[in-house]
Amino acid sequence: MNLERNSKRTAEISKLLFDTYQNGIQIKGDSVRLSFAKNHNLSIDAIKDPKNFKLPFTMVYELDLSLASAGQKEITLSAVNDVRSKFLQFFTAAGNEKKYPNILFDYQQKLSSLDFLEPYNYWILMKGDEIAFSKWKLANSASWNNFLKWFSGNALLIDDGHKFYRLQYQ
């Protein structure tokens, strides 16, 4: 969605992303269960050098996402915005942006520093609940319009020096 905006495929991905959060975060009473990563593999070799030990990214991601999901009662558009915002706070507070560099999280941190993370989250997830998005947009029109002005000239830059891919987290 960050690379291809306002296409049919963008709308499909928006819905898919929202559905992924709804299916990946299960809330039962006061407990939250996540199922985003299929495997959490930890190599025996990885623990031989305690000074350079690093947990697999999937473990760190799900831990921070679990903390961010605490207190949610249901997975709505508003709740997913809250979870994504809190996740970014937990991830950076733990210094994980240095251990697990990710240009997308860097971009989201920039959005957060400009107070655009909420409109960005609503934009990226809007097709998951179009009614909730429309209500949010109506109630937050100034924030939405300011975000759109900024966003149109500040795309996520991915090149040889700024990229992320699955293998860098293994």
C-alpha atoms as a PDB file:
ATOM      1  CA  MET A   1       0.000   0.000   0.000  1.00  0.00           C
ATOM      2  CA  ASN A   2       2.884   2.344   0.683  1.00  0.00           C
ATOM      3  CA  LEU A   3       4.287   1.716  -2.784  1.00  0.00           C
ATOM      4  CA  GLU A   4       1.099   1.519  -4.831  1.00  0.00           C
ATOM      5  CA  ARG A   5      -1.623   3.890  -3.707  1.00  0.00           C
ATOM      6  CA  ASN A   6      -5.276   4.130  -4.687  1.00  0.00           C
ATOM      7  CA  SER A   7      -5.563   1.021  -6.829  1.00  0.00           C
ATOM      8  CA  LYS A   8      -7.902  -1.950  -6.676  1.00  0.00           C
ATOM      9  CA  ARG A   9      -5.037  -3.984  -5.278  1.00  0.00           C
ATOM     10  CA  THR A  10      -4.429  -1.350  -2.585  1.00  0.00           C
ATOM     11  CA  ALA A  11      -8.034  -1.724  -1.423  1.00  0.00           C
ATOM     12  CA  GLU A  12      -7.678  -5.513  -1.321  1.00  0.00           C
ATOM     13  CA  ILE A  13      -4.473  -5.281   0.704  1.00  0.00           C
ATOM     14  CA  SER A  14      -6.074  -2.817   3.136  1.00  0.00           C
ATOM     15  CA  LYS A  15      -8.901  -5.266   3.826  1.00  0.00           C
ATOM     16  CA  LEU A  16      -6.473  -8.180   4.050  1.00  0.00           C
ATOM     17  CA  LEU A  17      -4.254  -6.339   6.530  1.00  0.00           C
ATOM     18  CA  PHE A  18      -7.206  -5.493   8.783  1.00  0.00           C
ATOM     19  CA  ASP A  19      -8.480  -9.078   8.578  1.00  0.00           C
ATOM     20  CA  THR A  20      -4.986 -10.319   9.478  1.00  0.00           C
ATOM     21  CA  TYR A  21      -5.090  -8.302  12.694  1.00  0.00           C
ATOM     22  CA  GLN A  22      -8.618  -9.534  13.461  1.00  0.00           C
ATOM     23  CA  ASN A  23      -7.616 -13.152  12.920  1.00  0.00           C
ATOM     24  CA  GLY A  24      -4.159 -12.865  14.476  1.00  0.00           C
ATOM     25  CA  ILE A  25      -5.248 -11.280  17.761  1.00  0.00           C
ATOM     26  CA  GLN A  26      -7.685 -13.406  19.743  1.00  0.00           C
ATOM     27  CA  ILE A  27      -9.171 -11.936  22.892  1.00  0.00           C
ATOM     28  CA  LYS A  28     -10.873 -14.127  25.479  1.00  0.00           C
ATOM     29  CA  GLY A  29     -11.800 -12.356  28.664  1.00  0.00           C
ATOM     30  CA  ASP A  30      -8.675 -10.706  30.013  1.00  0.00           C
ATOM     31  CA  SER A  31      -6.227 -12.726  27.941  1.00  0.00           C
ATOM     32  CA  VAL A  32      -4.797 -12.055  24.502  1.00  0.00           C
ATOM     33  CA  ARG A  33      -3.421 -14.739  22.200  1.00  0.00           C
ATOM     34  CA  LEU A  34      -1.447 -13.898  19.070  1.00  0.00           C
ATOM     35  CA  SER A  35      -0.859 -16.031  16.010  1.00  0.00           C
ATOM     36  CA  PHE A  36       1.148 -14.016  13.499  1.00  0.00           C
ATOM     37  CA  ALA A  37       4.298 -16.130  13.234  1.00  0.00           C
ATOM     38  CA  LYS A  38       4.159 -19.830  12.494  1.00  0.00           C
ATOM     39  CA  ASN A  39       7.629 -20.632  13.771  1.00  0.00           C
ATOM     40  CA  HIS A  40       9.828 -19.239  16.482  1.00  0.00           C
ATOM     41  CA  ASN A  41      13.151 -20.916  15.836  1.00  0.00           C
ATOM     42  CA  LEU A  42      16.082 -20.327  18.132  1.00  0.00           C
ATOM     43  CA  SER A  43      19.412 -21.750  17.038  1.00  0.00           C
ATOM     44  CA  ILE A  44      21.573 -23.385  19.703  1.00  0.00           C
ATOM     45  CA  ASP A  45      24.524 -21.576  18.128  1.00  0.00           C
ATOM     46  CA  ALA A  46      22.783 -18.262  18.825  1.00  0.00           C
ATOM     47  CA  ILE A  47      23.043 -18.718  22.590  1.00  0.00           C
ATOM     48  CA  LYS A  48      26.723 -19.715  22.613  1.00  0.00           C
ATOM     49  CA  ASP A  49      27.793 -16.063  22.576  1.00  0.00           C
ATOM     50  CA  PRO A  50      25.697 -14.243  25.216  1.00  0.00           C
ATOM     51  CA  LYS A  51      27.162 -10.841  24.307  1.00  0.00           C
ATOM     52  CA  ASN A  52      25.866 -11.114  20.744  1.00  0.00           C
ATOM     53  CA  PHE A  53      22.687 -13.050  21.508  1.00  0.00           C
ATOM     54  CA  LYS A  54      19.626 -11.805  19.688  1.00  0.00           C
ATOM     55  CA  LEU A  55      16.114 -13.251  19.871  1.00  0.00           C
ATOM     56  CA  PRO A  56      14.470 -14.083  16.551  1.00  0.00           C
ATOM     57  CA  PHE A  57      12.542 -11.113  15.179  1.00  0.00           C
ATOM     58  CA  THR A  58       9.259 -13.055  15.267  1.00  0.00           C
ATOM     59  CA  MET A  59       9.584 -13.496  19.045  1.00  0.00           C
ATOM     60  CA  VAL A  60      10.319  -9.815  19.614  1.00  0.00           C
ATOM     61  CA  TYR A  61       7.503  -8.779  17.270  1.00  0.00           C
ATOM     62  CA  GLU A  62       4.910 -10.946  18.984  1.00  0.00           C
ATOM     63  CA  LEU A  63       6.087  -9.958  22.476  1.00  0.00           C
ATOM     64  CA  ASP A  64       5.770  -6.241  21.700  1.00  0.00           C
ATOM     65  CA  LEU A  65       2.471  -6.829  19.903  1.00  0.00           C
ATOM     66  CA  SER A  66       1.179  -8.773  22.943  1.00  0.00           C
ATOM     67  CA  LEU A  67       2.038  -5.862  25.214  1.00  0.00           C
ATOM     68  CA  ALA A  68       0.397  -3.455  22.773  1.00  0.00           C
ATOM     69  CA  SER A  69      -2.758  -5.589  22.627  1.00  0.00           C
ATOM     70  CA  ALA A  70      -3.208  -5.781  26.404  1.00  0.00           C
ATOM     71  CA  GLY A  71      -6.425  -4.192  27.561  1.00  0.00           C
ATOM     72  CA  GLN A  72      -8.226  -4.472  24.233  1.00  0.00           C
ATOM     73  CA  LYS A  73     -11.716  -5.913  24.463  1.00  0.00           C
ATOM     74  CA  GLU A  74     -12.306  -6.388  20.732  1.00  0.00           C
ATOM     75  CA  ILE A  75     -10.465  -5.877  17.472  1.00  0.00           C
ATOM     76  CA  THR A  76     -12.050  -2.876  15.792  1.00  0.00           C
ATOM     77  CA  LEU A  77     -10.472  -0.302  13.495  1.00  0.00           C
ATOM     78  CA  SER A  78      -9.915   1.965  16.482  1.00  0.00           C
ATOM     79  CA  ALA A  79      -8.392  -0.893  18.492  1.00  0.00           C
ATOM     80  CA  VAL A  80      -6.013  -1.872  15.682  1.00  0.00           C
ATOM     81  CA  ASN A  81      -4.879   1.752  15.418  1.00  0.00           C
ATOM     82  CA  ASP A  82      -4.231   1.702  19.161  1.00  0.00           C
ATOM     83  CA  VAL A  83      -2.361  -1.622  18.980  1.00  0.00           C
ATOM     84  CA  ARG A  84      -0.188  -0.457  16.065  1.00  0.00           C
ATOM     85  CA  SER A  85       0.625   2.820  17.830  1.00  0.00           C
ATOM     86  CA  LYS A  86       1.490   1.107  21.121  1.00  0.00           C
ATOM     87  CA  PHE A  87       3.498  -1.569  19.332  1.00  0.00           C
ATOM     88  CA  LEU A  88       5.717   1.104  17.801  1.00  0.00           C
ATOM     89  CA  GLN A  89       6.224   2.665  21.241  1.00  0.00           C
ATOM     90  CA  PHE A  90       7.172  -0.672  22.842  1.00  0.00           C
ATOM     91  CA  PHE A  91       9.397  -1.654  19.921  1.00  0.00           C
ATOM     92  CA  THR A  92      11.405   1.567  20.013  1.00  0.00           C
ATOM     93  CA  ALA A  93      11.450   1.892  23.832  1.00  0.00           C
ATOM     94  CA  ALA A  94      13.200  -1.486  23.988  1.00  0.00           C
ATOM     95  CA  GLY A  95      15.767  -0.342  21.410  1.00  0.00           C
ATOM     96  CA  ASN A  96      14.561  -2.945  18.945  1.00  0.00           C
ATOM     97  CA  GLU A  97      14.743  -0.531  16.013  1.00  0.00           C
ATOM     98  CA  LYS A  98      18.542  -0.784  16.349  1.00  0.00           C
ATOM     99  CA  LYS A  99      18.648  -4.581  16.729  1.00  0.00           C
ATOM    100  CA  TYR A 100      16.065  -5.251  14.002  1.00  0.00           C
ATOM    101  CA  PRO A 101      16.232  -2.358  11.522  1.00  0.00           C
ATOM    102  CA  ASN A 102      13.050  -2.035   9.502  1.00  0.00           C
ATOM    103  CA  ILE A 103      12.408   0.829   7.115  1.00  0.00           C
ATOM    104  CA  LEU A 104       8.640   0.482   7.551  1.00  0.00           C
ATOM    105  CA  PHE A 105       8.876   0.921  11.326  1.00  0.00           C
ATOM    106  CA  ASP A 106      11.257   3.859  10.768  1.00  0.00           C
ATOM    107  CA  TYR A 107       8.680   5.428   8.459  1.00  0.00           C
ATOM    108  CA  GLN A 108       5.934   4.868  11.025  1.00  0.00           C
ATOM    109  CA  GLN A 109       8.140   6.456  13.691  1.00  0.00           C
ATOM    110  CA  LYS A 110       8.498   9.508  11.444  1.00  0.00           C
ATOM    111  CA  LEU A 111       4.716   9.601  11.020  1.00  0.00           C
ATOM    112  CA  SER A 112       4.310   9.379  14.788  1.00  0.00           C
ATOM    113  CA  SER A 113       6.700  12.281  15.369  1.00  0.00           C
ATOM    114  CA  LEU A 114       4.557  14.390  13.010  1.00  0.00           C
ATOM    115  CA  ASP A 115       1.285  13.269  14.685  1.00  0.00           C
ATOM    116  CA  PHE A 116       0.309  11.457  11.476  1.00  0.00           C
ATOM    117  CA  LEU A 117       0.449   7.863  12.718  1.00  0.00           C
ATOM    118  CA  GLU A 118      -3.264   7.732  13.525  1.00  0.00           C
ATOM    119  CA  PRO A 119      -4.435   9.002  10.105  1.00  0.00           C
ATOM    120  CA  TYR A 120      -1.870   6.728   8.451  1.00  0.00           C
ATOM    121  CA  ASN A 121      -3.168   3.705  10.378  1.00  0.00           C
ATOM    122  CA  TYR A 122      -6.750   4.558   9.466  1.00  0.00           C
ATOM    123  CA  TRP A 123      -5.743   5.013   5.830  1.00  0.00           C
ATOM    124  CA  ILE A 124      -3.869   1.723   5.644  1.00  0.00           C
ATOM    125  CA  LEU A 125      -6.715  -0.205   7.332  1.00  0.00           C
ATOM    126  CA  MET A 126      -9.739   1.702   5.974  1.00  0.00           C
ATOM    127  CA  LYS A 127     -11.140  -1.107   3.810  1.00  0.00           C
ATOM    128  CA  GLY A 128     -11.365  -3.368   6.851  1.00  0.00           C
ATOM    129  CA  ASP A 129     -14.238  -1.284   8.232  1.00  0.00           C
ATOM    130  CA  GLU A 130     -15.292   1.464   5.841  1.00  0.00           C
ATOM    131  CA  ILE A 131     -18.085   2.740   8.107  1.00  0.00           C
ATOM    132  CA  ALA A 132     -15.749   3.173  11.092  1.00  0.00           C
ATOM    133  CA  PHE A 133     -13.201   4.823   8.799  1.00  0.00           C
ATOM    134  CA  SER A 134     -15.791   7.285   7.451  1.00  0.00           C
ATOM    135  CA  LYS A 135     -16.894   8.191  10.978  1.00  0.00           C
ATOM    136  CA  TRP A 136     -13.283   8.679  12.090  1.00  0.00           C
ATOM    137  CA  LYS A 137     -12.496  10.781   9.005  1.00  0.00           C
ATOM    138  CA  LEU A 138     -15.519  13.019   9.610  1.00  0.00           C
ATOM    139  CA  ALA A 139     -14.547  13.535  13.266  1.00  0.00           C
ATOM    140  CA  ASN A 140     -10.867  14.127  12.408  1.00  0.00           C
ATOM    141  CA  SER A 141     -11.055  16.037   9.131  1.00  0.00           C
ATOM    142  CA  ALA A 142      -8.253  18.522   9.919  1.00  0.00           C
ATOM    143  CA  SER A 143      -5.845  15.756  10.931  1.00  0.00           C
ATOM    144  CA  TRP A 144      -6.847  13.700   7.885  1.00  0.00           C
ATOM    145  CA  ASN A 145      -6.392  16.595   5.443  1.00  0.00           C
ATOM    146  CA  ASN A 146      -3.027  17.595   6.937  1.00  0.00           C
ATOM    147  CA  PHE A 147      -1.866  13.996   6.675  1.00  0.00           C
ATOM    148  CA  LEU A 148      -2.955  13.734   3.029  1.00  0.00           C
ATOM    149  CA  LYS A 149      -1.077  16.923   2.128  1.00  0.00           C
ATOM    150  CA  TRP A 150       2.100  15.628   3.746  1.00  0.00           C
ATOM    151  CA  PHE A 151       1.667  12.037   2.552  1.00  0.00           C
ATOM    152  CA  SER A 152       1.315  12.950  -1.122  1.00  0.00           C
ATOM    153  CA  GLY A 153       4.892  14.260  -1.181  1.00  0.00           C
ATOM    154  CA  ASN A 154       6.485  11.885   1.324  1.00  0.00           C
ATOM    155  CA  ALA A 155       6.264   8.339   0.075  1.00  0.00           C
ATOM    156  CA  LEU A 156       8.089   5.469   1.720  1.00  0.00           C
ATOM    157  CA  LEU A 157      11.460   5.279  -0.027  1.00  0.00           C
ATOM    158  CA  ILE A 158      12.714   1.788  -0.761  1.00  0.00           C
ATOM    159  CA  ASP A 159      16.030   1.376  -2.555  1.00  0.00           C
ATOM    160  CA  ASP A 160      19.276  -0.550  -2.085  1.00  0.00           C
ATOM    161  CA  GLY A 161      20.084   1.454   1.040  1.00  0.00           C
ATOM    162  CA  HIS A 162      16.549   1.395   2.447  1.00  0.00           C
ATOM    163  CA  LYS A 163      14.810  -1.952   2.268  1.00  0.00           C
ATOM    164  CA  PHE A 164      13.566  -4.869   4.314  1.00  0.00           C
ATOM    165  CA  TYR A 165      12.958  -8.475   3.464  1.00  0.00           C
ATOM    166  CA  ARG A 166      12.209 -11.716   5.254  1.00  0.00           C
ATOM    167  CA  LEU A 167      15.742 -13.141   5.241  1.00  0.00           C
ATOM    168  CA  GLN A 168      17.223 -10.235   7.185  1.00  0.00           C
ATOM    169  CA  TYR A 169      15.279 -11.433  10.241  1.00  0.00           C
ATOM    170  CA  GLN A 170      16.469 -15.030  10.289  1.00  0.00           C
END
